[in-house]
């Protein structure tokens, strides 16, 4: 009974939360150009930082829960709606839907912490550390190329690749989730600045091209 009451109270608190990009909601909608380039925030995703040796026993246990741990730079391993992004040889970022978080009745990151047990490594809840900006459309790559040093050509950056980089001078993780769709993970304190930078970079596509 106590757990049920605590969960219901937690869900009520969730309705009062404001995402890092909440102040930009109207601007993101106004600045998006349907069928050309669109920008939206995907708030409150469940995120967990993993520091673990993938080859060790604890790493194997975590991998069994997440669909595996990536083995190389840029690699992403997915299982259903849960993905694990490679950040370093023993560092990963797990990304899952908001409802996966234990505060909303899910099992993350608790099950990961339990799987780690007394093994060497770390599992840290980072859900409030970053937000997610989703940039999509045929001009999305052109927008990013204005301030990202990565080679974004599809021959190099293929769908399903995630890399740490800078966009508009802001450190972020860039995950290409589709041929014309990118998810960007800035730290929460930089979300508004990066959102405004992306909107400014999108502005030229708001008017028809001159023949």
N, C-alpha and C. Protein backbone atom coordinates (compact mmCIF):
# COMPACT_ATOMS: atom_id res chain seq x y z
N UNK A 1 0.82 -1.20 0.00
CA UNK A 1 0.00 0.00 0.00
C UNK A 1 0.86 1.26 0.00
N UNK A 2 1.92 1.23 0.84
CA UNK A 2 2.81 2.40 0.91
C UNK A 2 3.49 2.64 -0.42
N UNK A 3 3.94 1.57 -1.11
CA UNK A 3 4.60 1.72 -2.40
C UNK A 3 3.64 2.29 -3.42
N UNK A 4 2.38 1.83 -3.40
CA UNK A 4 1.38 2.34 -4.35
C UNK A 4 1.12 3.82 -4.11
N UNK A 5 1.00 4.21 -2.86
CA UNK A 5 0.76 5.62 -2.53
C UNK A 5 1.95 6.47 -2.96
N UNK A 6 3.17 5.97 -2.74
CA UNK A 6 4.37 6.71 -3.13
C UNK A 6 4.43 6.89 -4.63
N UNK A 7 4.04 5.84 -5.39
CA UNK A 7 4.06 5.92 -6.84
C UNK A 7 3.05 6.93 -7.34
N UNK A 8 1.85 6.91 -6.77
CA UNK A 8 0.83 7.87 -7.18
C UNK A 8 1.26 9.29 -6.88
N UNK A 9 1.90 9.49 -5.74
CA UNK A 9 2.39 10.81 -5.38
C UNK A 9 3.49 11.25 -6.35
N UNK A 10 4.35 10.30 -6.72
CA UNK A 10 5.42 10.61 -7.67
C UNK A 10 4.85 11.03 -9.02
N UNK A 11 3.80 10.33 -9.46
CA UNK A 11 3.19 10.66 -10.74
C UNK A 11 2.58 12.06 -10.71
N UNK A 12 2.01 12.45 -9.57
CA UNK A 12 1.45 13.80 -9.44
C UNK A 12 2.55 14.85 -9.54
N UNK A 13 3.68 14.54 -8.90
CA UNK A 13 4.81 15.47 -8.94
C UNK A 13 5.32 15.63 -10.37
N UNK A 14 5.30 14.52 -11.14
CA UNK A 14 5.79 14.56 -12.52
C UNK A 14 5.02 15.59 -13.35
N UNK A 15 3.73 15.74 -13.07
CA UNK A 15 2.91 16.68 -13.85
C UNK A 15 3.34 18.12 -13.62
N UNK A 16 4.07 18.39 -12.56
CA UNK A 16 4.52 19.74 -12.25
C UNK A 16 5.90 20.03 -12.83
N UNK A 17 6.55 19.02 -13.38
CA UNK A 17 7.91 19.21 -13.90
C UNK A 17 7.91 20.09 -15.15
N UNK A 18 8.96 20.85 -15.29
CA UNK A 18 9.18 21.63 -16.50
C UNK A 18 10.46 21.14 -17.14
N UNK A 19 10.40 20.80 -18.41
CA UNK A 19 11.58 20.28 -19.10
C UNK A 19 12.56 21.41 -19.38
N UNK A 20 13.84 21.09 -19.62
CA UNK A 20 14.83 22.13 -19.91
C UNK A 20 14.49 22.98 -21.13
N UNK A 21 13.74 22.39 -22.07
CA UNK A 21 13.37 23.15 -23.27
C UNK A 21 11.95 23.68 -23.27
N UNK A 22 11.30 23.66 -22.11
CA UNK A 22 9.88 24.05 -22.05
C UNK A 22 9.66 25.48 -22.53
N UNK A 23 10.58 26.38 -22.21
CA UNK A 23 10.41 27.78 -22.60
C UNK A 23 10.48 27.96 -24.12
N UNK A 24 11.02 26.98 -24.81
CA UNK A 24 11.16 27.08 -26.26
C UNK A 24 10.03 26.40 -27.03
N UNK A 25 9.05 25.85 -26.34
CA UNK A 25 8.03 25.03 -27.01
C UNK A 25 7.38 25.77 -28.17
N UNK A 26 6.93 27.00 -27.94
CA UNK A 26 6.27 27.77 -29.00
C UNK A 26 7.24 28.10 -30.12
N UNK A 27 8.49 28.43 -29.76
CA UNK A 27 9.49 28.79 -30.78
C UNK A 27 9.85 27.58 -31.64
N UNK A 28 9.94 26.40 -31.04
CA UNK A 28 10.26 25.19 -31.79
C UNK A 28 9.16 24.89 -32.80
N UNK A 29 7.93 25.06 -32.39
CA UNK A 29 6.81 24.81 -33.30
C UNK A 29 6.79 25.84 -34.43
N UNK A 30 7.00 27.12 -34.07
CA UNK A 30 6.96 28.18 -35.08
C UNK A 30 8.13 28.10 -36.05
N UNK A 31 9.30 27.65 -35.55
CA UNK A 31 10.49 27.62 -36.39
C UNK A 31 10.60 26.38 -37.26
N UNK A 32 9.78 25.38 -37.00
CA UNK A 32 9.82 24.15 -37.80
C UNK A 32 9.11 24.37 -39.13
N UNK A 33 9.64 23.77 -40.17
CA UNK A 33 9.05 23.86 -41.52
C UNK A 33 8.68 22.45 -41.94
N UNK A 34 7.39 22.15 -41.94
CA UNK A 34 6.93 20.80 -42.23
C UNK A 34 7.45 20.30 -43.56
N UNK A 35 7.99 19.10 -43.56
CA UNK A 35 8.50 18.50 -44.78
C UNK A 35 9.87 18.99 -45.19
N UNK A 36 10.44 19.93 -44.42
CA UNK A 36 11.76 20.49 -44.74
C UNK A 36 12.73 20.24 -43.59
N UNK A 37 12.46 20.86 -42.45
CA UNK A 37 13.26 20.63 -41.25
C UNK A 37 12.41 20.98 -40.03
N UNK A 38 12.38 20.08 -39.06
CA UNK A 38 11.56 20.27 -37.87
C UNK A 38 12.38 19.97 -36.62
N UNK A 39 12.06 20.70 -35.55
CA UNK A 39 12.78 20.57 -34.29
C UNK A 39 11.78 20.46 -33.15
N UNK A 40 11.97 19.48 -32.30
CA UNK A 40 11.11 19.32 -31.13
C UNK A 40 11.93 18.78 -29.97
N UNK A 41 11.43 19.01 -28.77
CA UNK A 41 12.05 18.42 -27.59
C UNK A 41 11.32 17.12 -27.26
N UNK A 42 12.10 16.11 -26.89
CA UNK A 42 11.54 14.85 -26.38
C UNK A 42 11.95 14.79 -24.91
N UNK A 43 11.12 15.32 -24.01
CA UNK A 43 11.57 15.52 -22.63
C UNK A 43 11.48 14.27 -21.76
N UNK A 44 12.26 14.29 -20.70
CA UNK A 44 12.17 13.35 -19.59
C UNK A 44 12.44 11.90 -19.96
N UNK A 45 13.24 11.66 -21.01
CA UNK A 45 13.61 10.27 -21.28
C UNK A 45 14.41 9.71 -20.10
N UNK A 46 14.28 8.43 -19.89
CA UNK A 46 15.07 7.76 -18.85
C UNK A 46 16.48 7.56 -19.37
N UNK A 47 17.47 8.02 -18.62
CA UNK A 47 18.87 7.86 -19.02
C UNK A 47 19.68 7.36 -17.84
N UNK A 48 20.64 6.52 -18.13
CA UNK A 48 21.54 6.02 -17.09
C UNK A 48 22.95 5.94 -17.65
N UNK A 49 23.89 6.44 -16.88
CA UNK A 49 25.29 6.32 -17.26
C UNK A 49 25.86 5.01 -16.74
N UNK A 50 26.51 4.27 -17.62
CA UNK A 50 27.10 2.99 -17.25
C UNK A 50 28.61 3.07 -17.43
N UNK A 51 29.33 2.72 -16.39
CA UNK A 51 30.79 2.57 -16.48
C UNK A 51 31.10 1.14 -16.08
N UNK A 52 31.51 0.36 -17.05
CA UNK A 52 31.62 -1.08 -16.82
C UNK A 52 32.53 -1.71 -17.86
N UNK A 53 33.22 -2.73 -17.48
CA UNK A 53 33.98 -3.52 -18.44
C UNK A 53 33.02 -4.49 -19.13
N UNK A 54 32.75 -4.31 -20.42
CA UNK A 54 31.76 -5.16 -21.09
C UNK A 54 32.10 -6.65 -21.05
N UNK A 55 33.39 -6.97 -20.95
CA UNK A 55 33.81 -8.37 -20.96
C UNK A 55 33.75 -9.03 -19.60
N UNK A 56 33.59 -8.23 -18.54
CA UNK A 56 33.54 -8.78 -17.19
C UNK A 56 32.19 -9.38 -16.86
N UNK A 57 32.13 -10.05 -15.74
CA UNK A 57 30.87 -10.68 -15.32
C UNK A 57 29.76 -9.65 -15.14
N UNK A 58 30.08 -8.53 -14.48
CA UNK A 58 29.07 -7.49 -14.27
C UNK A 58 28.62 -6.89 -15.59
N UNK A 59 29.57 -6.70 -16.51
CA UNK A 59 29.22 -6.18 -17.83
C UNK A 59 28.31 -7.13 -18.58
N UNK A 60 28.55 -8.41 -18.45
CA UNK A 60 27.70 -9.40 -19.10
C UNK A 60 26.29 -9.37 -18.52
N UNK A 61 26.19 -9.16 -17.21
CA UNK A 61 24.86 -9.10 -16.58
C UNK A 61 24.09 -7.87 -17.06
N UNK A 62 24.77 -6.73 -17.13
CA UNK A 62 24.10 -5.53 -17.62
C UNK A 62 23.72 -5.69 -19.09
N UNK A 63 24.61 -6.25 -19.87
CA UNK A 63 24.32 -6.47 -21.29
C UNK A 63 23.12 -7.35 -21.52
N UNK A 64 22.93 -8.33 -20.64
CA UNK A 64 21.78 -9.22 -20.77
C UNK A 64 20.47 -8.48 -20.58
N UNK A 65 20.50 -7.39 -19.79
CA UNK A 65 19.29 -6.61 -19.54
C UNK A 65 19.03 -5.57 -20.62
N UNK A 66 20.08 -5.13 -21.29
CA UNK A 66 19.95 -4.01 -22.21
C UNK A 66 19.99 -4.40 -23.68
N UNK A 67 20.17 -5.69 -23.96
CA UNK A 67 20.31 -6.10 -25.34
C UNK A 67 21.75 -6.05 -25.82
N UNK A 68 22.68 -5.99 -24.88
CA UNK A 68 24.10 -5.96 -25.23
C UNK A 68 24.69 -4.57 -25.04
N UNK A 69 26.02 -4.52 -24.87
CA UNK A 69 26.73 -3.25 -24.76
C UNK A 69 27.53 -3.04 -26.04
N UNK A 70 27.53 -1.80 -26.56
CA UNK A 70 28.28 -1.53 -27.79
C UNK A 70 29.76 -1.84 -27.63
N UNK A 71 30.39 -2.24 -28.74
CA UNK A 71 31.79 -2.66 -28.68
C UNK A 71 32.75 -1.68 -29.35
N UNK A 72 32.23 -0.67 -30.03
CA UNK A 72 33.11 0.23 -30.78
C UNK A 72 32.54 1.63 -30.83
N UNK A 73 33.40 2.59 -31.12
CA UNK A 73 32.99 4.00 -31.21
C UNK A 73 31.85 4.17 -32.22
N UNK A 74 30.83 4.89 -31.79
CA UNK A 74 29.69 5.17 -32.66
C UNK A 74 28.60 4.12 -32.62
N UNK A 75 28.89 2.96 -32.05
CA UNK A 75 27.92 1.86 -32.09
C UNK A 75 26.80 2.08 -31.09
N UNK A 76 25.60 1.63 -31.47
CA UNK A 76 24.43 1.67 -30.61
C UNK A 76 23.81 0.28 -30.59
N UNK A 77 23.51 -0.22 -29.41
CA UNK A 77 22.80 -1.49 -29.28
C UNK A 77 21.40 -1.21 -28.78
N UNK A 78 20.41 -1.81 -29.40
CA UNK A 78 19.02 -1.55 -29.05
C UNK A 78 18.28 -2.84 -28.72
N UNK A 79 17.33 -2.71 -27.82
CA UNK A 79 16.42 -3.80 -27.48
C UNK A 79 15.06 -3.17 -27.23
N UNK A 80 14.15 -3.30 -28.18
CA UNK A 80 12.87 -2.62 -28.07
C UNK A 80 13.05 -1.12 -28.11
N UNK A 81 12.51 -0.43 -27.11
CA UNK A 81 12.62 1.03 -27.03
C UNK A 81 13.84 1.49 -26.25
N UNK A 82 14.66 0.54 -25.81
CA UNK A 82 15.83 0.87 -25.01
C UNK A 82 17.08 0.78 -25.87
N UNK A 83 17.95 1.78 -25.76
CA UNK A 83 19.18 1.79 -26.54
C UNK A 83 20.36 2.11 -25.62
N UNK A 84 21.52 1.58 -25.98
CA UNK A 84 22.75 1.88 -25.25
C UNK A 84 23.75 2.45 -26.24
N UNK A 85 24.24 3.66 -25.96
CA UNK A 85 25.15 4.37 -26.84
C UNK A 85 26.58 4.25 -26.30
N UNK A 86 27.54 4.01 -27.19
CA UNK A 86 28.96 3.93 -26.82
C UNK A 86 29.50 5.34 -26.61
N UNK A 87 30.08 5.60 -25.45
CA UNK A 87 30.74 6.89 -25.19
C UNK A 87 32.24 6.74 -25.02
N UNK A 88 32.68 5.54 -24.66
CA UNK A 88 34.08 5.27 -24.45
C UNK A 88 34.26 3.77 -24.26
N UNK A 89 35.50 3.28 -24.17
CA UNK A 89 35.73 1.83 -24.07
C UNK A 89 35.00 1.17 -22.92
N UNK A 90 34.74 1.91 -21.85
CA UNK A 90 34.02 1.33 -20.71
C UNK A 90 32.94 2.28 -20.20
N UNK A 91 32.44 3.13 -21.10
CA UNK A 91 31.44 4.13 -20.72
C UNK A 91 30.30 4.13 -21.74
N UNK A 92 29.07 4.10 -21.24
CA UNK A 92 27.90 3.99 -22.11
C UNK A 92 26.76 4.85 -21.56
N UNK A 93 25.85 5.21 -22.45
CA UNK A 93 24.64 5.94 -22.04
C UNK A 93 23.44 5.12 -22.45
N UNK A 94 22.64 4.73 -21.47
CA UNK A 94 21.39 4.02 -21.74
C UNK A 94 20.27 5.05 -21.88
N UNK A 95 19.46 4.88 -22.93
CA UNK A 95 18.32 5.77 -23.19
C UNK A 95 17.07 4.93 -23.35
N UNK A 96 16.04 5.26 -22.59
CA UNK A 96 14.80 4.49 -22.61
C UNK A 96 13.62 5.45 -22.48
N UNK A 97 12.41 5.00 -22.77
CA UNK A 97 11.24 5.87 -22.63
C UNK A 97 11.07 6.40 -21.21
N UNK A 98 10.39 7.52 -21.08
CA UNK A 98 10.18 8.14 -19.77
C UNK A 98 9.51 7.18 -18.80
N UNK A 99 8.55 6.40 -19.31
CA UNK A 99 7.79 5.52 -18.42
C UNK A 99 8.60 4.34 -17.90
N UNK A 100 9.83 4.17 -18.42
CA UNK A 100 10.70 3.11 -17.92
C UNK A 100 11.28 3.44 -16.55
N UNK A 101 11.22 4.72 -16.17
CA UNK A 101 11.84 5.14 -14.91
C UNK A 101 11.03 4.64 -13.73
N UNK A 102 11.72 4.24 -12.69
CA UNK A 102 11.05 3.67 -11.53
C UNK A 102 10.10 4.66 -10.86
N UNK A 103 10.32 5.96 -11.04
CA UNK A 103 9.42 6.96 -10.44
C UNK A 103 8.06 6.95 -11.11
N UNK A 104 7.97 6.33 -12.30
CA UNK A 104 6.70 6.23 -13.01
C UNK A 104 6.21 4.78 -13.09
N UNK A 105 6.79 3.93 -12.26
CA UNK A 105 6.35 2.55 -12.23
C UNK A 105 7.21 1.61 -13.06
N UNK A 106 8.25 2.14 -13.70
CA UNK A 106 9.16 1.29 -14.48
C UNK A 106 10.20 0.63 -13.59
N UNK A 107 11.21 0.06 -14.22
CA UNK A 107 12.20 -0.71 -13.47
C UNK A 107 13.62 -0.17 -13.61
N UNK A 108 13.78 0.97 -14.28
CA UNK A 108 15.11 1.55 -14.47
C UNK A 108 15.27 2.78 -13.59
N UNK A 109 16.47 3.05 -13.08
CA UNK A 109 17.69 2.23 -13.23
C UNK A 109 17.84 1.13 -12.18
N UNK A 110 16.81 0.91 -11.37
CA UNK A 110 16.92 -0.02 -10.25
C UNK A 110 17.41 -1.40 -10.68
N UNK A 111 16.83 -1.96 -11.76
CA UNK A 111 17.22 -3.30 -12.17
C UNK A 111 18.68 -3.35 -12.62
N UNK A 112 19.18 -2.25 -13.18
CA UNK A 112 20.59 -2.21 -13.59
C UNK A 112 21.51 -2.18 -12.37
N UNK A 113 21.10 -1.41 -11.36
CA UNK A 113 21.90 -1.34 -10.13
C UNK A 113 21.92 -2.71 -9.45
N UNK A 114 20.77 -3.37 -9.45
CA UNK A 114 20.71 -4.70 -8.85
C UNK A 114 21.57 -5.70 -9.63
N UNK A 115 21.57 -5.58 -10.97
CA UNK A 115 22.38 -6.49 -11.78
C UNK A 115 23.87 -6.25 -11.56
N UNK A 116 24.24 -4.99 -11.35
CA UNK A 116 25.65 -4.68 -11.07
C UNK A 116 26.09 -5.31 -9.76
N UNK A 117 25.20 -5.27 -8.79
CA UNK A 117 25.52 -5.87 -7.48
C UNK A 117 26.81 -5.30 -6.91
N UNK A 118 27.70 -6.18 -6.47
CA UNK A 118 28.97 -5.72 -5.91
C UNK A 118 30.10 -5.81 -6.95
N UNK A 119 29.70 -5.91 -8.22
CA UNK A 119 30.70 -5.95 -9.28
C UNK A 119 31.35 -4.60 -9.49
N UNK A 120 32.50 -4.58 -10.16
CA UNK A 120 33.20 -3.33 -10.43
C UNK A 120 32.47 -2.56 -11.51
N UNK A 121 32.16 -1.31 -11.23
CA UNK A 121 31.48 -0.48 -12.21
C UNK A 121 30.53 0.50 -11.56
N UNK A 122 29.81 1.24 -12.38
CA UNK A 122 28.87 2.24 -11.89
C UNK A 122 27.61 2.22 -12.74
N UNK A 123 26.49 2.47 -12.10
CA UNK A 123 25.23 2.76 -12.78
C UNK A 123 24.68 4.01 -12.12
N UNK A 124 24.54 5.09 -12.89
CA UNK A 124 24.11 6.38 -12.34
C UNK A 124 22.89 6.88 -13.10
N UNK A 125 21.86 7.26 -12.37
CA UNK A 125 20.65 7.81 -12.99
C UNK A 125 20.97 9.21 -13.52
N UNK A 126 20.92 9.38 -14.83
CA UNK A 126 21.23 10.66 -15.48
C UNK A 126 20.00 11.26 -16.16
N UNK A 127 18.83 10.82 -15.77
CA UNK A 127 17.61 11.26 -16.46
C UNK A 127 17.42 12.77 -16.40
N UNK A 128 17.87 13.41 -15.33
CA UNK A 128 17.72 14.86 -15.21
C UNK A 128 18.96 15.61 -15.70
N UNK A 129 19.96 14.87 -16.16
CA UNK A 129 21.23 15.49 -16.56
C UNK A 129 21.17 16.08 -17.96
N UNK A 130 20.41 15.43 -18.84
CA UNK A 130 20.32 15.87 -20.23
C UNK A 130 18.85 15.92 -20.67
N UNK A 131 18.62 16.65 -21.75
CA UNK A 131 17.33 16.54 -22.42
C UNK A 131 17.60 16.08 -23.85
N UNK A 132 16.54 15.91 -24.62
CA UNK A 132 16.67 15.40 -25.98
C UNK A 132 16.00 16.35 -26.96
N UNK A 133 16.76 16.78 -27.95
CA UNK A 133 16.22 17.58 -29.05
C UNK A 133 16.24 16.70 -30.29
N UNK A 134 15.12 16.63 -30.98
CA UNK A 134 15.03 15.82 -32.19
C UNK A 134 14.92 16.73 -33.42
N UNK A 135 15.89 16.62 -34.32
CA UNK A 135 15.94 17.39 -35.55
C UNK A 135 15.69 16.44 -36.71
N UNK A 136 14.72 16.77 -37.56
CA UNK A 136 14.37 15.84 -38.63
C UNK A 136 14.01 16.59 -39.91
N UNK A 137 14.05 15.86 -41.00
CA UNK A 137 13.69 16.43 -42.30
C UNK A 137 14.86 16.42 -43.26
N UNK A 138 14.59 16.61 -44.55
CA UNK A 138 15.64 16.55 -45.56
C UNK A 138 16.74 17.61 -45.39
N UNK A 139 16.45 18.69 -44.65
CA UNK A 139 17.46 19.73 -44.44
C UNK A 139 18.12 19.64 -43.07
N UNK A 140 17.82 18.61 -42.31
CA UNK A 140 18.38 18.47 -40.96
C UNK A 140 19.91 18.43 -41.00
N UNK A 141 20.46 17.67 -41.94
CA UNK A 141 21.93 17.58 -42.02
C UNK A 141 22.55 18.93 -42.35
N UNK A 142 21.92 19.69 -43.23
CA UNK A 142 22.44 21.01 -43.60
C UNK A 142 22.46 21.95 -42.40
N UNK A 143 21.46 21.82 -41.54
CA UNK A 143 21.42 22.65 -40.33
C UNK A 143 22.58 22.28 -39.41
N UNK A 144 22.78 21.00 -39.18
CA UNK A 144 23.84 20.56 -38.28
C UNK A 144 25.23 20.93 -38.82
N UNK A 145 25.39 20.87 -40.13
CA UNK A 145 26.70 21.14 -40.74
C UNK A 145 27.16 22.57 -40.52
N UNK A 146 26.26 23.45 -40.10
CA UNK A 146 26.65 24.83 -39.82
C UNK A 146 27.46 24.96 -38.54
N UNK A 147 27.39 23.93 -37.68
CA UNK A 147 28.10 24.07 -36.42
C UNK A 147 28.59 22.78 -35.82
N UNK A 148 28.72 21.74 -36.63
CA UNK A 148 29.20 20.45 -36.13
C UNK A 148 30.37 19.99 -36.98
N UNK A 149 31.48 19.65 -36.34
CA UNK A 149 32.70 19.31 -37.06
C UNK A 149 32.70 17.89 -37.59
N UNK A 150 31.76 17.06 -37.19
CA UNK A 150 31.71 15.68 -37.69
C UNK A 150 31.40 15.66 -39.19
N UNK A 151 31.90 14.65 -39.86
CA UNK A 151 31.51 14.42 -41.25
C UNK A 151 30.13 13.77 -41.22
N UNK A 152 29.12 14.52 -41.60
CA UNK A 152 27.74 14.06 -41.50
C UNK A 152 27.22 13.43 -42.78
N UNK A 153 28.07 13.29 -43.78
CA UNK A 153 27.62 12.66 -45.02
C UNK A 153 27.16 11.23 -44.71
N UNK A 154 26.03 10.82 -45.28
CA UNK A 154 25.50 9.47 -44.96
C UNK A 154 26.44 8.32 -45.29
N UNK A 155 27.44 8.53 -46.14
CA UNK A 155 28.43 7.48 -46.37
C UNK A 155 29.29 7.26 -45.12
N UNK A 156 29.41 8.31 -44.29
CA UNK A 156 30.26 8.25 -43.11
C UNK A 156 29.42 8.06 -41.85
N UNK A 157 28.45 8.97 -41.63
CA UNK A 157 27.59 8.88 -40.46
C UNK A 157 26.31 8.16 -40.87
N UNK A 158 26.26 6.89 -40.60
CA UNK A 158 25.12 6.08 -41.00
C UNK A 158 24.05 6.09 -39.91
N UNK A 159 22.82 5.82 -40.31
CA UNK A 159 21.74 5.71 -39.34
C UNK A 159 22.08 4.64 -38.31
N UNK A 160 21.83 4.96 -37.04
CA UNK A 160 22.17 4.03 -35.97
C UNK A 160 23.51 4.32 -35.33
N UNK A 161 24.14 5.45 -35.70
CA UNK A 161 25.43 5.84 -35.15
C UNK A 161 25.25 6.97 -34.14
N UNK A 162 26.00 6.94 -33.06
CA UNK A 162 25.96 8.00 -32.05
C UNK A 162 27.38 8.38 -31.67
N UNK A 163 27.67 9.68 -31.63
CA UNK A 163 29.01 10.17 -31.33
C UNK A 163 28.94 11.40 -30.44
N UNK A 164 29.94 11.57 -29.59
CA UNK A 164 30.07 12.79 -28.81
C UNK A 164 30.72 13.85 -29.69
N UNK A 165 30.19 15.08 -29.63
CA UNK A 165 30.68 16.14 -30.50
C UNK A 165 30.34 17.48 -29.90
N UNK A 166 30.50 18.54 -30.68
CA UNK A 166 30.00 19.86 -30.31
C UNK A 166 29.11 20.36 -31.43
N UNK A 167 28.02 21.01 -31.06
CA UNK A 167 27.10 21.61 -32.03
C UNK A 167 26.90 23.05 -31.60
N UNK A 168 27.28 23.98 -32.45
CA UNK A 168 27.20 25.38 -32.08
C UNK A 168 28.06 25.70 -30.87
N UNK A 169 29.13 24.96 -30.70
CA UNK A 169 30.03 25.17 -29.57
C UNK A 169 29.57 24.52 -28.28
N UNK A 170 28.46 23.79 -28.32
CA UNK A 170 27.91 23.15 -27.12
C UNK A 170 28.22 21.65 -27.16
N UNK A 171 28.84 21.10 -26.13
CA UNK A 171 29.08 19.65 -26.08
C UNK A 171 27.74 18.90 -26.07
N UNK A 172 27.65 17.88 -26.89
CA UNK A 172 26.41 17.11 -26.99
C UNK A 172 26.72 15.74 -27.57
N UNK A 173 25.78 14.83 -27.39
CA UNK A 173 25.84 13.53 -28.04
C UNK A 173 24.88 13.58 -29.22
N UNK A 174 25.35 13.20 -30.39
CA UNK A 174 24.54 13.21 -31.60
C UNK A 174 24.27 11.78 -32.03
N UNK A 175 23.00 11.43 -32.10
CA UNK A 175 22.58 10.08 -32.47
C UNK A 175 21.72 10.16 -33.72
N UNK A 176 22.21 9.58 -34.79
CA UNK A 176 21.44 9.56 -36.03
C UNK A 176 20.50 8.36 -35.97
N UNK A 177 19.23 8.63 -35.72
CA UNK A 177 18.26 7.55 -35.52
C UNK A 177 17.58 7.11 -36.81
N UNK A 178 17.68 7.92 -37.86
CA UNK A 178 17.09 7.58 -39.15
C UNK A 178 17.84 8.30 -40.24
N UNK A 179 17.48 8.06 -41.49
CA UNK A 179 18.20 8.69 -42.60
C UNK A 179 18.12 10.20 -42.55
N UNK A 180 17.02 10.75 -42.02
CA UNK A 180 16.85 12.20 -41.95
C UNK A 180 16.47 12.66 -40.54
N UNK A 181 16.79 11.85 -39.54
CA UNK A 181 16.40 12.17 -38.17
C UNK A 181 17.59 12.02 -37.23
N UNK A 182 17.76 13.03 -36.38
CA UNK A 182 18.86 13.05 -35.42
C UNK A 182 18.32 13.37 -34.02
N UNK A 183 18.84 12.69 -33.03
CA UNK A 183 18.56 13.04 -31.65
C UNK A 183 19.82 13.62 -31.04
N UNK A 184 19.65 14.76 -30.38
CA UNK A 184 20.76 15.51 -29.81
C UNK A 184 20.57 15.56 -28.30
N UNK A 185 21.61 15.19 -27.56
CA UNK A 185 21.53 15.15 -26.10
C UNK A 185 22.47 16.18 -25.49
N UNK A 186 22.02 17.42 -25.30
CA UNK A 186 22.84 18.39 -24.56
C UNK A 186 22.57 18.28 -23.07
N UNK A 187 23.49 18.75 -22.26
CA UNK A 187 23.20 18.84 -20.84
C UNK A 187 22.07 19.84 -20.63
N UNK A 188 21.29 19.62 -19.59
CA UNK A 188 20.07 20.41 -19.38
C UNK A 188 20.35 21.91 -19.36
N UNK A 189 21.46 22.32 -18.77
CA UNK A 189 21.75 23.74 -18.65
C UNK A 189 22.06 24.41 -19.99
N UNK A 190 22.40 23.60 -21.02
CA UNK A 190 22.70 24.15 -22.34
C UNK A 190 21.54 23.99 -23.32
N UNK A 191 20.44 23.40 -22.88
CA UNK A 191 19.37 23.05 -23.81
C UNK A 191 18.76 24.28 -24.49
N UNK A 192 18.51 25.32 -23.72
CA UNK A 192 17.87 26.50 -24.32
C UNK A 192 18.80 27.17 -25.33
N UNK A 193 20.07 27.31 -24.97
CA UNK A 193 21.02 27.93 -25.90
C UNK A 193 21.11 27.13 -27.20
N UNK A 194 21.26 25.81 -27.08
CA UNK A 194 21.40 24.99 -28.27
C UNK A 194 20.11 24.99 -29.08
N UNK A 195 18.97 24.98 -28.41
CA UNK A 195 17.70 25.05 -29.13
C UNK A 195 17.60 26.32 -29.94
N UNK A 196 18.00 27.44 -29.36
CA UNK A 196 17.95 28.72 -30.10
C UNK A 196 18.96 28.74 -31.24
N UNK A 197 20.13 28.13 -31.00
CA UNK A 197 21.13 28.07 -32.08
C UNK A 197 20.58 27.28 -33.26
N UNK A 198 19.95 26.15 -32.99
CA UNK A 198 19.38 25.32 -34.07
C UNK A 198 18.26 26.06 -34.79
N UNK A 199 17.43 26.77 -34.06
CA UNK A 199 16.35 27.54 -34.70
C UNK A 199 16.92 28.60 -35.62
N UNK A 200 17.99 29.25 -35.18
CA UNK A 200 18.63 30.26 -36.03
C UNK A 200 19.21 29.62 -37.28
N UNK A 201 19.81 28.44 -37.13
CA UNK A 201 20.38 27.75 -38.28
C UNK A 201 19.30 27.24 -39.24
N UNK A 202 18.09 27.05 -38.75
CA UNK A 202 16.97 26.58 -39.57
C UNK A 202 16.30 27.71 -40.34
N UNK A 203 16.57 28.94 -39.94
CA UNK A 203 15.77 30.07 -40.43
C UNK A 203 15.80 30.19 -41.96
N UNK A 204 16.92 29.93 -42.58
CA UNK A 204 17.01 30.11 -44.03
C UNK A 204 16.07 29.20 -44.79
N UNK A 205 15.64 28.08 -44.16
CA UNK A 205 14.78 27.12 -44.85
C UNK A 205 13.30 27.43 -44.66
N UNK A 206 13.00 28.53 -43.98
CA UNK A 206 11.61 28.92 -43.76
C UNK A 206 11.00 29.63 -44.96
N UNK A 207 11.86 30.05 -45.90
CA UNK A 207 11.36 30.70 -47.11
C UNK A 207 11.70 29.84 -48.33
N UNK A 208 10.87 29.89 -49.36
CA UNK A 208 11.13 29.06 -50.54
C UNK A 208 12.46 29.40 -51.19
N UNK A 209 13.11 28.40 -51.77
CA UNK A 209 14.35 28.64 -52.47
C UNK A 209 14.11 29.49 -53.72
N UNK A 210 15.05 30.38 -54.01
CA UNK A 210 14.96 31.21 -55.21
C UNK A 210 15.41 30.39 -56.41
N UNK A 211 14.57 30.26 -57.44
CA UNK A 211 14.96 29.43 -58.58
C UNK A 211 16.15 30.02 -59.34
